[in-house]
Amino acid sequence: MTQSLNNTAKAIIIEDTFDRGELFGNLDCNLKLIEEHLGVVIIQRDNMLTIKGDKLETAEKVINELMTLIEKGEKLDTQKVTYIIDLCKQGISYAESHMDKDIVCYTHMGKPLKPKTLGQKYYIKSMRNKDVVFGIGPAGTGKTYLAVAMAVNAFKKKDVQKIILARPAVEAGERLGFLPGDLQDKVDPYLRPLYDALYDILGRDTALRLKEKEVIEVVPLAYMRGRTLDNSFIILDEAQNTTREQMKMFLTRMGFGSKVVVTGDVTQIDLPRGKTSGLTEAVRVLKGVDDIDFCFLKDTDVVRHELVKKIINAYDKYYEKNPPKEE
């Protein structure tokens, strides 16, 4: 229940039976986040929260949103609270988006995987409804992880017979010969992020067993040439590091009954000087083609440490004022 004290103060009554510890956070960290982001002061006394400042309505909405989520059994963390604050600033309700009901799949530990932002929710919806989806955005937005989760879900439902994960090994160039081991040993370090997602969702033993049976393939992009892939869920990661020729080659591997997801970050292109990114060209060439969707995730969709979002924003602002020069 909310009481208006005056134009610059409001009081919210918290029922005695409500989980105040979850609402306030450890050492009142959730309340401090609201104060920091909205420039208000929140005073907690007994069962009452008093909010003072200019953005009373927004702060009240944030607290009510958090209370609604707690009542639904959700746990709060810094990322979720910060994201809800950002949404409330825009007049958007997190609770009404029903993200808590949108389960992609369950990990091997039984944990439900759900979208954490509206951008992720749209990305998942696109992967369900379109045959080819591009997930483009900064690091930490869950592009690859959610694509792998969707692939595992499609395999478990028998919608596809194989999962194929590919990545260009640009960091290694074409100079793999000096690295120890056979070819797989040489390229595996560059495919590690894909293995990490698989192990987290399927469990290491299950993932390796399916890999041995060639139901799951984790391969460098070069291995895709000359193949036609039917009834497969195919993911191309770090696509900003493909050339235009490689991107066209990859997209034309798609066979009947297959889905393709391409992920990348156009701000992290590692191609040699003079090479055009296949991802940036694909955005221009394929825009408007039926059954192809482009999902552009933003810094607000970052689900890593809060500092990652600040780092991304700092770089974006710097490059706006100081565009990188062509080498």
C-alpha atoms as a PDB file:
ATOM      1  CA  MET A   1       0.000   0.000   0.000  1.00  0.00           C
ATOM      2  CA  THR A   2       1.284   3.477  -0.940  1.00  0.00           C
ATOM      3  CA  GLN A   3       0.660   6.747   0.849  1.00  0.00           C
ATOM      4  CA  SER A   4       1.456  10.181  -0.632  1.00  0.00           C
ATOM      5  CA  LEU A   5       3.036  12.297   2.087  1.00  0.00           C
ATOM      6  CA  ASN A   6       3.602  15.383  -0.122  1.00  0.00           C
ATOM      7  CA  ASN A   7       4.897  16.235  -3.594  1.00  0.00           C
ATOM      8  CA  THR A   8       8.405  15.060  -2.768  1.00  0.00           C
ATOM      9  CA  ALA A   9       7.756  12.039  -0.548  1.00  0.00           C
ATOM     10  CA  LYS A  10       5.824   8.774  -0.635  1.00  0.00           C
ATOM     11  CA  ALA A  11       5.439   5.950   1.853  1.00  0.00           C
ATOM     12  CA  ILE A  12       5.084   2.273   0.926  1.00  0.00           C
ATOM     13  CA  ILE A  13       3.718  -0.094   3.578  1.00  0.00           C
ATOM     14  CA  ILE A  14       5.348  -3.556   3.574  1.00  0.00           C
ATOM     15  CA  GLU A  15       3.223  -6.312   5.093  1.00  0.00           C
ATOM     16  CA  ASP A  16       4.752  -8.103   8.070  1.00  0.00           C
ATOM     17  CA  THR A  17       4.553 -11.447   6.235  1.00  0.00           C
ATOM     18  CA  PHE A  18       6.447 -10.167   3.176  1.00  0.00           C
ATOM     19  CA  ASP A  19      10.069 -11.254   2.579  1.00  0.00           C
ATOM     20  CA  ARG A  20      11.767  -7.941   3.245  1.00  0.00           C
ATOM     21  CA  GLY A  21      15.233  -9.477   3.126  1.00  0.00           C
ATOM     22  CA  GLU A  22      14.716 -10.474  -0.519  1.00  0.00           C
ATOM     23  CA  LEU A  23      13.217  -7.068  -1.365  1.00  0.00           C
ATOM     24  CA  PHE A  24      15.898  -4.969   0.327  1.00  0.00           C
ATOM     25  CA  GLY A  25      18.811  -7.249  -0.614  1.00  0.00           C
ATOM     26  CA  ASN A  26      21.982  -8.002   1.317  1.00  0.00           C
ATOM     27  CA  LEU A  27      22.934  -4.878   3.298  1.00  0.00           C
ATOM     28  CA  ASP A  28      20.049  -3.074   1.538  1.00  0.00           C
ATOM     29  CA  CYS A  29      21.877  -3.382  -1.806  1.00  0.00           C
ATOM     30  CA  ASN A  30      18.630  -3.329  -3.850  1.00  0.00           C
ATOM     31  CA  LEU A  31      17.444  -0.130  -2.191  1.00  0.00           C
ATOM     32  CA  LYS A  32      20.863   1.437  -2.771  1.00  0.00           C
ATOM     33  CA  LEU A  33      20.641   0.565  -6.495  1.00  0.00           C
ATOM     34  CA  ILE A  34      17.284   2.355  -6.739  1.00  0.00           C
ATOM     35  CA  GLU A  35      18.721   5.378  -4.932  1.00  0.00           C
ATOM     36  CA  GLU A  36      21.798   5.459  -7.158  1.00  0.00           C
ATOM     37  CA  HIS A  37      19.955   5.110 -10.483  1.00  0.00           C
ATOM     38  CA  LEU A  38      16.982   7.385  -9.705  1.00  0.00           C
ATOM     39  CA  GLY A  39      18.526   9.974  -7.418  1.00  0.00           C
ATOM     40  CA  VAL A  40      16.054   9.357  -4.604  1.00  0.00           C
ATOM     41  CA  VAL A  41      16.480   8.666  -0.902  1.00  0.00           C
ATOM     42  CA  ILE A  42      14.784   5.618   0.627  1.00  0.00           C
ATOM     43  CA  ILE A  43      14.337   5.430   4.382  1.00  0.00           C
ATOM     44  CA  GLN A  44      13.317   2.108   5.916  1.00  0.00           C
ATOM     45  CA  ARG A  45      11.631   2.154   9.300  1.00  0.00           C
ATOM     46  CA  ASP A  46       9.656  -0.783  10.705  1.00  0.00           C
ATOM     47  CA  ASN A  47       7.196  -1.831   7.977  1.00  0.00           C
ATOM     48  CA  MET A  48       7.400   1.417   6.017  1.00  0.00           C
ATOM     49  CA  LEU A  49       9.601   2.607   3.152  1.00  0.00           C
ATOM     50  CA  THR A  50       9.684   6.370   2.708  1.00  0.00           C
ATOM     51  CA  ILE A  51      10.866   7.619  -0.688  1.00  0.00           C
ATOM     52  CA  LYS A  52      12.084  11.190  -1.094  1.00  0.00           C
ATOM     53  CA  GLY A  53      13.146  12.910  -4.296  1.00  0.00           C
ATOM     54  CA  ASP A  54      11.955  13.978  -7.743  1.00  0.00           C
ATOM     55  CA  LYS A  55      11.421  10.536  -9.319  1.00  0.00           C
ATOM     56  CA  LEU A  56       8.910   9.238  -6.783  1.00  0.00           C
ATOM     57  CA  GLU A  57       6.588   7.600  -9.310  1.00  0.00           C
ATOM     58  CA  THR A  58       9.405   5.669 -10.982  1.00  0.00           C
ATOM     59  CA  ALA A  59      10.893   4.522  -7.664  1.00  0.00           C
ATOM     60  CA  GLU A  60       7.459   3.385  -6.499  1.00  0.00           C
ATOM     61  CA  LYS A  61       6.961   1.409  -9.737  1.00  0.00           C
ATOM     62  CA  VAL A  62      10.345  -0.263  -9.302  1.00  0.00           C
ATOM     63  CA  ILE A  63       9.570  -1.358  -5.746  1.00  0.00           C
ATOM     64  CA  ASN A  64       6.111  -2.623  -6.737  1.00  0.00           C
ATOM     65  CA  GLU A  65       7.655  -4.561  -9.656  1.00  0.00           C
ATOM     66  CA  LEU A  66      10.206  -6.145  -7.314  1.00  0.00           C
ATOM     67  CA  MET A  67       7.479  -7.079  -4.841  1.00  0.00           C
ATOM     68  CA  THR A  68       5.414  -8.675  -7.615  1.00  0.00           C
ATOM     69  CA  LEU A  69       8.370 -10.819  -8.692  1.00  0.00           C
ATOM     70  CA  ILE A  70       9.095 -11.913  -5.122  1.00  0.00           C
ATOM     71  CA  GLU A  71       5.444 -12.911  -4.690  1.00  0.00           C
ATOM     72  CA  LYS A  72       5.842 -15.097  -7.806  1.00  0.00           C
ATOM     73  CA  GLY A  73       8.791 -16.851  -6.158  1.00  0.00           C
ATOM     74  CA  GLU A  74      11.551 -15.187  -8.189  1.00  0.00           C
ATOM     75  CA  LYS A  75      14.927 -14.360  -6.680  1.00  0.00           C
ATOM     76  CA  LEU A  76      16.418 -10.915  -7.157  1.00  0.00           C
ATOM     77  CA  ASP A  77      19.982 -10.126  -8.136  1.00  0.00           C
ATOM     78  CA  THR A  78      21.859  -6.986  -9.145  1.00  0.00           C
ATOM     79  CA  GLN A  79      21.366  -7.555 -12.883  1.00  0.00           C
ATOM     80  CA  LYS A  80      17.614  -8.087 -12.556  1.00  0.00           C
ATOM     81  CA  VAL A  81      17.061  -5.105 -10.246  1.00  0.00           C
ATOM     82  CA  THR A  82      19.121  -2.808 -12.484  1.00  0.00           C
ATOM     83  CA  TYR A  83      17.250  -3.986 -15.562  1.00  0.00           C
ATOM     84  CA  ILE A  84      13.858  -3.401 -13.920  1.00  0.00           C
ATOM     85  CA  ILE A  85      14.960   0.124 -13.006  1.00  0.00           C
ATOM     86  CA  ASP A  86      15.957   0.746 -16.657  1.00  0.00           C
ATOM     87  CA  LEU A  87      12.575  -0.547 -17.869  1.00  0.00           C
ATOM     88  CA  CYS A  88      10.600   1.532 -15.371  1.00  0.00           C
ATOM     89  CA  LYS A  89      12.442   4.633 -16.592  1.00  0.00           C
ATOM     90  CA  GLN A  90      10.978   3.830 -20.028  1.00  0.00           C
ATOM     91  CA  GLY A  91       7.507   3.116 -18.631  1.00  0.00           C
ATOM     92  CA  ILE A  92       7.798  -0.634 -19.359  1.00  0.00           C
ATOM     93  CA  SER A  93       6.672  -3.337 -16.916  1.00  0.00           C
ATOM     94  CA  TYR A  94       9.007  -6.306 -16.434  1.00  0.00           C
ATOM     95  CA  ALA A  95       6.345  -8.277 -14.544  1.00  0.00           C
ATOM     96  CA  GLU A  96       3.794  -7.906 -17.365  1.00  0.00           C
ATOM     97  CA  SER A  97       6.265  -9.319 -19.913  1.00  0.00           C
ATOM     98  CA  HIS A  98       5.838 -12.782 -18.260  1.00  0.00           C
ATOM     99  CA  MET A  99       9.480 -13.737 -18.841  1.00  0.00           C
ATOM    100  CA  ASP A 100       9.271 -16.043 -15.827  1.00  0.00           C
ATOM    101  CA  LYS A 101       6.987 -18.340 -17.856  1.00  0.00           C
ATOM    102  CA  ASP A 102       9.151 -18.480 -21.001  1.00  0.00           C
ATOM    103  CA  ILE A 103      11.351 -21.510 -20.292  1.00  0.00           C
ATOM    104  CA  VAL A 104      13.720 -22.439 -23.125  1.00  0.00           C
ATOM    105  CA  CYS A 105      14.981 -25.695 -21.590  1.00  0.00           C
ATOM    106  CA  TYR A 106      16.390 -27.157 -18.394  1.00  0.00           C
ATOM    107  CA  THR A 107      20.086 -27.624 -17.678  1.00  0.00           C
ATOM    108  CA  HIS A 108      21.481 -30.982 -16.597  1.00  0.00           C
ATOM    109  CA  MET A 109      21.183 -29.671 -13.020  1.00  0.00           C
ATOM    110  CA  GLY A 110      17.452 -29.050 -13.497  1.00  0.00           C
ATOM    111  CA  LYS A 111      17.759 -25.262 -13.648  1.00  0.00           C
ATOM    112  CA  PRO A 112      15.228 -23.611 -15.991  1.00  0.00           C
ATOM    113  CA  LEU A 113      16.778 -21.370 -18.642  1.00  0.00           C
ATOM    114  CA  LYS A 114      14.662 -18.270 -19.252  1.00  0.00           C
ATOM    115  CA  PRO A 115      15.230 -14.920 -20.949  1.00  0.00           C
ATOM    116  CA  LYS A 116      16.453 -12.246 -18.566  1.00  0.00           C
ATOM    117  CA  THR A 117      15.667  -9.234 -20.739  1.00  0.00           C
ATOM    118  CA  LEU A 118      13.054  -8.227 -23.301  1.00  0.00           C
ATOM    119  CA  GLY A 119      15.758  -8.304 -25.984  1.00  0.00           C
ATOM    120  CA  GLN A 120      16.518 -11.918 -25.110  1.00  0.00           C
ATOM    121  CA  LYS A 121      12.807 -12.731 -25.122  1.00  0.00           C
ATOM    122  CA  TYR A 122      12.454 -11.384 -28.670  1.00  0.00           C
ATOM    123  CA  TYR A 123      15.615 -13.271 -29.721  1.00  0.00           C
ATOM    124  CA  ILE A 124      14.163 -16.552 -28.422  1.00  0.00           C
ATOM    125  CA  LYS A 125      10.833 -15.870 -30.118  1.00  0.00           C
ATOM    126  CA  SER A 126      12.644 -15.282 -33.419  1.00  0.00           C
ATOM    127  CA  MET A 127      14.589 -18.548 -33.104  1.00  0.00           C
ATOM    128  CA  ARG A 128      11.318 -20.389 -32.534  1.00  0.00           C
ATOM    129  CA  ASN A 129       9.546 -18.829 -35.505  1.00  0.00           C
ATOM    130  CA  LYS A 130      12.197 -18.174 -38.164  1.00  0.00           C
ATOM    131  CA  ASP A 131      14.475 -20.519 -40.101  1.00  0.00           C
ATOM    132  CA  VAL A 132      17.466 -18.151 -40.094  1.00  0.00           C
ATOM    133  CA  VAL A 133      18.139 -15.744 -37.218  1.00  0.00           C
ATOM    134  CA  PHE A 134      20.990 -13.289 -36.698  1.00  0.00           C
ATOM    135  CA  GLY A 135      21.707 -12.418 -33.058  1.00  0.00           C
ATOM    136  CA  ILE A 136      23.865  -9.287 -33.074  1.00  0.00           C
ATOM    137  CA  GLY A 137      25.000  -7.452 -29.969  1.00  0.00           C
ATOM    138  CA  PRO A 138      27.777  -6.802 -27.446  1.00  0.00           C
ATOM    139  CA  ALA A 139      29.501  -9.323 -25.228  1.00  0.00           C
ATOM    140  CA  GLY A 140      27.453 -10.681 -22.335  1.00  0.00           C
ATOM    141  CA  THR A 141      24.012 -10.491 -23.954  1.00  0.00           C
ATOM    142  CA  GLY A 142      23.604 -14.291 -24.100  1.00  0.00           C
ATOM    143  CA  LYS A 143      23.662 -14.570 -27.904  1.00  0.00           C
ATOM    144  CA  THR A 144      25.593 -17.831 -28.064  1.00  0.00           C
ATOM    145  CA  TYR A 145      24.332 -19.366 -24.836  1.00  0.00           C
ATOM    146  CA  LEU A 146      20.660 -18.952 -25.736  1.00  0.00           C
ATOM    147  CA  ALA A 147      21.273 -20.260 -29.269  1.00  0.00           C
ATOM    148  CA  VAL A 148      22.880 -23.402 -27.815  1.00  0.00           C
ATOM    149  CA  ALA A 149      19.962 -23.756 -25.370  1.00  0.00           C
ATOM    150  CA  MET A 150      17.480 -23.546 -28.261  1.00  0.00           C
ATOM    151  CA  ALA A 151      19.514 -26.112 -30.212  1.00  0.00           C
ATOM    152  CA  VAL A 152      19.518 -28.543 -27.275  1.00  0.00           C
ATOM    153  CA  ASN A 153      15.771 -28.054 -26.820  1.00  0.00           C
ATOM    154  CA  ALA A 154      15.116 -28.714 -30.526  1.00  0.00           C
ATOM    155  CA  PHE A 155      17.241 -31.892 -30.340  1.00  0.00           C
ATOM    156  CA  LYS A 156      15.453 -33.171 -27.211  1.00  0.00           C
ATOM    157  CA  LYS A 157      12.079 -32.572 -28.894  1.00  0.00           C
ATOM    158  CA  LYS A 158      13.382 -34.467 -31.969  1.00  0.00           C
ATOM    159  CA  ASP A 159      12.826 -31.422 -34.170  1.00  0.00           C
ATOM    160  CA  VAL A 160      16.391 -31.901 -35.424  1.00  0.00           C
ATOM    161  CA  GLN A 161      18.780 -34.839 -35.564  1.00  0.00           C
ATOM    162  CA  LYS A 162      22.076 -32.970 -35.192  1.00  0.00           C
ATOM    163  CA  ILE A 163      23.544 -29.888 -33.556  1.00  0.00           C
ATOM    164  CA  ILE A 164      26.419 -28.215 -35.380  1.00  0.00           C
ATOM    165  CA  LEU A 165      28.380 -25.386 -33.786  1.00  0.00           C
ATOM    166  CA  ALA A 166      30.920 -23.537 -35.919  1.00  0.00           C
ATOM    167  CA  ARG A 167      33.309 -20.676 -35.285  1.00  0.00           C
ATOM    168  CA  PRO A 168      35.928 -18.957 -37.441  1.00  0.00           C
ATOM    169  CA  ALA A 169      39.408 -19.351 -35.898  1.00  0.00           C
ATOM    170  CA  VAL A 170      40.509 -15.902 -36.999  1.00  0.00           C
ATOM    171  CA  GLU A 171      42.621 -15.332 -33.900  1.00  0.00           C
ATOM    172  CA  ALA A 172      44.780 -18.229 -35.060  1.00  0.00           C
ATOM    173  CA  GLY A 173      44.846 -16.987 -38.641  1.00  0.00           C
ATOM    174  CA  GLU A 174      45.808 -19.822 -40.913  1.00  0.00           C
ATOM    175  CA  ARG A 175      48.949 -20.437 -38.857  1.00  0.00           C
ATOM    176  CA  LEU A 176      47.903 -23.449 -36.806  1.00  0.00           C
ATOM    177  CA  GLY A 177      50.931 -25.531 -37.688  1.00  0.00           C
ATOM    178  CA  PHE A 178      53.111 -24.243 -34.874  1.00  0.00           C
ATOM    179  CA  LEU A 179      50.598 -25.313 -32.215  1.00  0.00           C
ATOM    180  CA  PRO A 180      51.106 -28.750 -30.567  1.00  0.00           C
ATOM    181  CA  GLY A 181      48.817 -31.737 -31.178  1.00  0.00           C
ATOM    182  CA  ASP A 182      46.612 -32.900 -34.030  1.00  0.00           C
ATOM    183  CA  LEU A 183      44.220 -30.605 -35.893  1.00  0.00           C
ATOM    184  CA  GLN A 184      41.428 -30.957 -33.306  1.00  0.00           C
ATOM    185  CA  ASP A 185      43.882 -30.106 -30.514  1.00  0.00           C
ATOM    186  CA  LYS A 186      44.976 -27.022 -32.436  1.00  0.00           C
ATOM    187  CA  VAL A 187      41.505 -25.597 -33.016  1.00  0.00           C
ATOM    188  CA  ASP A 188      39.763 -26.632 -29.777  1.00  0.00           C
ATOM    189  CA  PRO A 189      40.975 -23.586 -27.784  1.00  0.00           C
ATOM    190  CA  TYR A 190      39.175 -21.331 -30.270  1.00  0.00           C
ATOM    191  CA  LEU A 191      35.976 -23.360 -29.879  1.00  0.00           C
ATOM    192  CA  ARG A 192      36.064 -23.387 -26.072  1.00  0.00           C
ATOM    193  CA  PRO A 193      33.167 -20.919 -25.570  1.00  0.00           C
ATOM    194  CA  LEU A 194      30.898 -23.294 -27.512  1.00  0.00           C
ATOM    195  CA  TYR A 195      32.015 -26.275 -25.428  1.00  0.00           C
ATOM    196  CA  ASP A 196      31.421 -24.274 -22.231  1.00  0.00           C
ATOM    197  CA  ALA A 197      27.800 -23.574 -23.206  1.00  0.00           C
ATOM    198  CA  LEU A 198      27.213 -27.226 -24.133  1.00  0.00           C
ATOM    199  CA  TYR A 199      28.724 -28.524 -20.885  1.00  0.00           C
ATOM    200  CA  ASP A 200      26.676 -26.102 -18.811  1.00  0.00           C
ATOM    201  CA  ILE A 201      23.379 -27.103 -20.445  1.00  0.00           C
ATOM    202  CA  LEU A 202      23.852 -30.809 -21.187  1.00  0.00           C
ATOM    203  CA  GLY A 203      26.544 -31.735 -18.694  1.00  0.00           C
ATOM    204  CA  ARG A 204      30.073 -32.647 -19.752  1.00  0.00           C
ATOM    205  CA  ASP A 205      29.548 -36.423 -19.967  1.00  0.00           C
ATOM    206  CA  THR A 206      26.362 -36.189 -22.058  1.00  0.00           C
ATOM    207  CA  ALA A 207      27.860 -33.563 -24.374  1.00  0.00           C
ATOM    208  CA  LEU A 208      31.009 -35.631 -24.975  1.00  0.00           C
ATOM    209  CA  ARG A 209      28.976 -38.801 -25.561  1.00  0.00           C
ATOM    210  CA  LEU A 210      26.818 -37.057 -28.177  1.00  0.00           C
ATOM    211  CA  LYS A 211      29.953 -35.583 -29.740  1.00  0.00           C
ATOM    212  CA  GLU A 212      31.486 -39.068 -30.032  1.00  0.00           C
ATOM    213  CA  LYS A 213      28.340 -40.227 -31.828  1.00  0.00           C
ATOM    214  CA  GLU A 214      28.674 -37.172 -34.118  1.00  0.00           C
ATOM    215  CA  VAL A 215      25.213 -36.022 -33.062  1.00  0.00           C
ATOM    216  CA  ILE A 216      26.935 -32.831 -31.910  1.00  0.00           C
ATOM    217  CA  GLU A 217      29.742 -31.297 -33.941  1.00  0.00           C
ATOM    218  CA  VAL A 218      31.895 -28.412 -32.734  1.00  0.00           C
ATOM    219  CA  VAL A 219      34.034 -27.412 -35.685  1.00  0.00           C
ATOM    220  CA  PRO A 220      35.965 -24.574 -37.287  1.00  0.00           C
ATOM    221  CA  LEU A 221      34.003 -22.795 -40.005  1.00  0.00           C
ATOM    222  CA  ALA A 222      36.323 -24.167 -42.704  1.00  0.00           C
ATOM    223  CA  TYR A 223      34.931 -27.669 -42.020  1.00  0.00           C
ATOM    224  CA  MET A 224      31.534 -26.577 -43.354  1.00  0.00           C
ATOM    225  CA  ARG A 225      32.605 -26.188 -46.965  1.00  0.00           C
ATOM    226  CA  GLY A 226      31.016 -28.630 -49.413  1.00  0.00           C
ATOM    227  CA  ARG A 227      28.394 -29.945 -46.980  1.00  0.00           C
ATOM    228  CA  THR A 228      24.588 -29.833 -47.079  1.00  0.00           C
ATOM    229  CA  LEU A 229      23.076 -30.112 -43.616  1.00  0.00           C
ATOM    230  CA  ASP A 230      19.532 -31.480 -43.342  1.00  0.00           C
ATOM    231  CA  ASN A 231      17.518 -31.746 -40.092  1.00  0.00           C
ATOM    232  CA  SER A 232      20.174 -29.849 -38.144  1.00  0.00           C
ATOM    233  CA  PHE A 233      20.367 -26.898 -35.793  1.00  0.00           C
ATOM    234  CA  ILE A 234      23.387 -24.963 -37.014  1.00  0.00           C
ATOM    235  CA  ILE A 235      25.034 -22.134 -35.062  1.00  0.00           C
ATOM    236  CA  LEU A 236      27.763 -19.851 -36.357  1.00  0.00           C
ATOM    237  CA  ASP A 237      29.421 -17.975 -33.504  1.00  0.00           C
ATOM    238  CA  GLU A 238      31.694 -14.887 -33.751  1.00  0.00           C
ATOM    239  CA  ALA A 239      30.312 -14.295 -37.236  1.00  0.00           C
ATOM    240  CA  GLN A 240      31.772 -10.780 -37.401  1.00  0.00           C
ATOM    241  CA  ASN A 241      35.066 -12.531 -38.139  1.00  0.00           C
ATOM    242  CA  THR A 242      33.835 -14.248 -41.295  1.00  0.00           C
ATOM    243  CA  THR A 243      34.665 -12.869 -44.712  1.00  0.00           C
ATOM    244  CA  ARG A 244      31.845 -12.194 -47.163  1.00  0.00           C
ATOM    245  CA  GLU A 245      32.767 -15.428 -48.997  1.00  0.00           C
ATOM    246  CA  GLN A 246      32.717 -17.480 -45.797  1.00  0.00           C
ATOM    247  CA  MET A 247      29.339 -16.079 -44.744  1.00  0.00           C
ATOM    248  CA  LYS A 248      27.752 -16.922 -48.091  1.00  0.00           C
ATOM    249  CA  MET A 249      29.330 -20.385 -47.972  1.00  0.00           C
ATOM    250  CA  PHE A 250      27.971 -20.982 -44.466  1.00  0.00           C
ATOM    251  CA  LEU A 251      24.421 -19.794 -45.144  1.00  0.00           C
ATOM    252  CA  THR A 252      24.159 -21.964 -48.253  1.00  0.00           C
ATOM    253  CA  ARG A 253      24.980 -25.139 -46.239  1.00  0.00           C
ATOM    254  CA  MET A 254      21.423 -25.109 -44.881  1.00  0.00           C
ATOM    255  CA  GLY A 255      19.365 -28.143 -45.926  1.00  0.00           C
ATOM    256  CA  PHE A 256      15.765 -29.263 -45.437  1.00  0.00           C
ATOM    257  CA  GLY A 257      14.382 -29.256 -41.894  1.00  0.00           C
ATOM    258  CA  SER A 258      17.262 -27.158 -40.549  1.00  0.00           C
ATOM    259  CA  LYS A 259      17.541 -23.975 -38.529  1.00  0.00           C
ATOM    260  CA  VAL A 260      20.449 -21.555 -38.652  1.00  0.00           C
ATOM    261  CA  VAL A 261      21.461 -19.043 -35.976  1.00  0.00           C
ATOM    262  CA  VAL A 262      24.300 -16.592 -36.622  1.00  0.00           C
ATOM    263  CA  THR A 263      25.740 -14.652 -33.673  1.00  0.00           C
ATOM    264  CA  GLY A 264      28.255 -11.849 -33.609  1.00  0.00           C
ATOM    265  CA  ASP A 265      29.362  -8.457 -32.360  1.00  0.00           C
ATOM    266  CA  VAL A 266      30.118  -5.951 -35.119  1.00  0.00           C
ATOM    267  CA  THR A 267      32.266  -3.899 -32.708  1.00  0.00           C
ATOM    268  CA  GLN A 268      34.771  -6.757 -32.310  1.00  0.00           C
ATOM    269  CA  ILE A 269      35.927  -7.486 -35.849  1.00  0.00           C
ATOM    270  CA  ASP A 270      39.391  -9.126 -35.956  1.00  0.00           C
ATOM    271  CA  LEU A 271      39.683  -9.579 -39.714  1.00  0.00           C
ATOM    272  CA  PRO A 272      42.886  -8.546 -41.539  1.00  0.00           C
ATOM    273  CA  ARG A 273      43.057  -5.068 -42.996  1.00  0.00           C
ATOM    274  CA  GLY A 274      40.988  -4.650 -46.148  1.00  0.00           C
ATOM    275  CA  LYS A 275      38.632  -7.567 -45.449  1.00  0.00           C
ATOM    276  CA  THR A 276      34.884  -6.879 -45.265  1.00  0.00           C
ATOM    277  CA  SER A 277      33.017  -8.617 -42.446  1.00  0.00           C
ATOM    278  CA  GLY A 278      30.560 -11.174 -43.753  1.00  0.00           C
ATOM    279  CA  LEU A 279      28.224 -10.294 -40.882  1.00  0.00           C
ATOM    280  CA  THR A 280      27.967  -6.575 -41.642  1.00  0.00           C
ATOM    281  CA  GLU A 281      27.438  -7.359 -45.328  1.00  0.00           C
ATOM    282  CA  ALA A 282      24.759  -9.972 -44.531  1.00  0.00           C
ATOM    283  CA  VAL A 283      22.786  -7.365 -42.560  1.00  0.00           C
ATOM    284  CA  ARG A 284      22.694  -5.171 -45.655  1.00  0.00           C
ATOM    285  CA  VAL A 285      22.103  -7.926 -48.222  1.00  0.00           C
ATOM    286  CA  LEU A 286      19.519 -10.078 -46.423  1.00  0.00           C
ATOM    287  CA  LYS A 287      17.403  -7.411 -44.774  1.00  0.00           C
ATOM    288  CA  GLY A 288      13.788  -7.948 -45.822  1.00  0.00           C
ATOM    289  CA  VAL A 289      14.205 -11.588 -46.909  1.00  0.00           C
ATOM    290  CA  ASP A 290      11.309 -13.761 -45.689  1.00  0.00           C
ATOM    291  CA  ASP A 291      12.048 -16.211 -42.848  1.00  0.00           C
ATOM    292  CA  ILE A 292      15.237 -14.337 -41.911  1.00  0.00           C
ATOM    293  CA  ASP A 293      15.193 -12.181 -38.790  1.00  0.00           C
ATOM    294  CA  PHE A 294      17.774  -9.836 -37.287  1.00  0.00           C
ATOM    295  CA  CYS A 295      17.788  -9.394 -33.500  1.00  0.00           C
ATOM    296  CA  PHE A 296      19.894  -6.484 -32.305  1.00  0.00           C
ATOM    297  CA  LEU A 297      20.695  -6.853 -28.614  1.00  0.00           C
ATOM    298  CA  LYS A 298      21.851  -3.792 -26.677  1.00  0.00           C
ATOM    299  CA  ASP A 299      23.884  -2.914 -23.609  1.00  0.00           C
ATOM    300  CA  THR A 300      20.650  -3.146 -21.574  1.00  0.00           C
ATOM    301  CA  ASP A 301      20.578  -6.867 -22.471  1.00  0.00           C
ATOM    302  CA  VAL A 302      23.999  -7.538 -20.905  1.00  0.00           C
ATOM    303  CA  VAL A 303      23.589 -10.181 -18.206  1.00  0.00           C
ATOM    304  CA  ARG A 304      27.145 -10.297 -16.908  1.00  0.00           C
ATOM    305  CA  HIS A 305      28.640  -8.164 -14.139  1.00  0.00           C
ATOM    306  CA  GLU A 306      27.168  -4.644 -14.018  1.00  0.00           C
ATOM    307  CA  LEU A 307      30.633  -3.291 -14.796  1.00  0.00           C
ATOM    308  CA  VAL A 308      30.557  -4.989 -18.231  1.00  0.00           C
ATOM    309  CA  LYS A 309      27.624  -2.772 -19.247  1.00  0.00           C
ATOM    310  CA  LYS A 310      29.519   0.313 -18.064  1.00  0.00           C
ATOM    311  CA  ILE A 311      32.618  -0.739 -20.023  1.00  0.00           C
ATOM    312  CA  ILE A 312      30.567  -1.234 -23.205  1.00  0.00           C
ATOM    313  CA  ASN A 313      28.897   2.156 -22.771  1.00  0.00           C
ATOM    314  CA  ALA A 314      32.246   3.868 -22.152  1.00  0.00           C
ATOM    315  CA  TYR A 315      33.737   2.404 -25.352  1.00  0.00           C
ATOM    316  CA  ASP A 316      30.617   3.278 -27.387  1.00  0.00           C
ATOM    317  CA  LYS A 317      30.737   6.894 -26.219  1.00  0.00           C
ATOM    318  CA  TYR A 318      34.480   7.122 -26.880  1.00  0.00           C
ATOM    319  CA  TYR A 319      34.205   5.776 -30.422  1.00  0.00           C
ATOM    320  CA  GLU A 320      31.285   8.097 -31.157  1.00  0.00           C
ATOM    321  CA  LYS A 321      33.591  11.036 -30.469  1.00  0.00           C
ATOM    322  CA  ASN A 322      36.736   9.358 -31.809  1.00  0.00           C
ATOM    323  CA  PRO A 323      35.821   7.026 -34.707  1.00  0.00           C
ATOM    324  CA  PRO A 324      38.529   4.371 -35.214  1.00  0.00           C
ATOM    325  CA  LYS A 325      40.652   5.081 -38.260  1.00  0.00           C
ATOM    326  CA  GLU A 326      41.044   2.520 -41.025  1.00  0.00           C
ATOM    327  CA  GLU A 327      44.529   0.967 -40.889  1.00  0.00           C
END
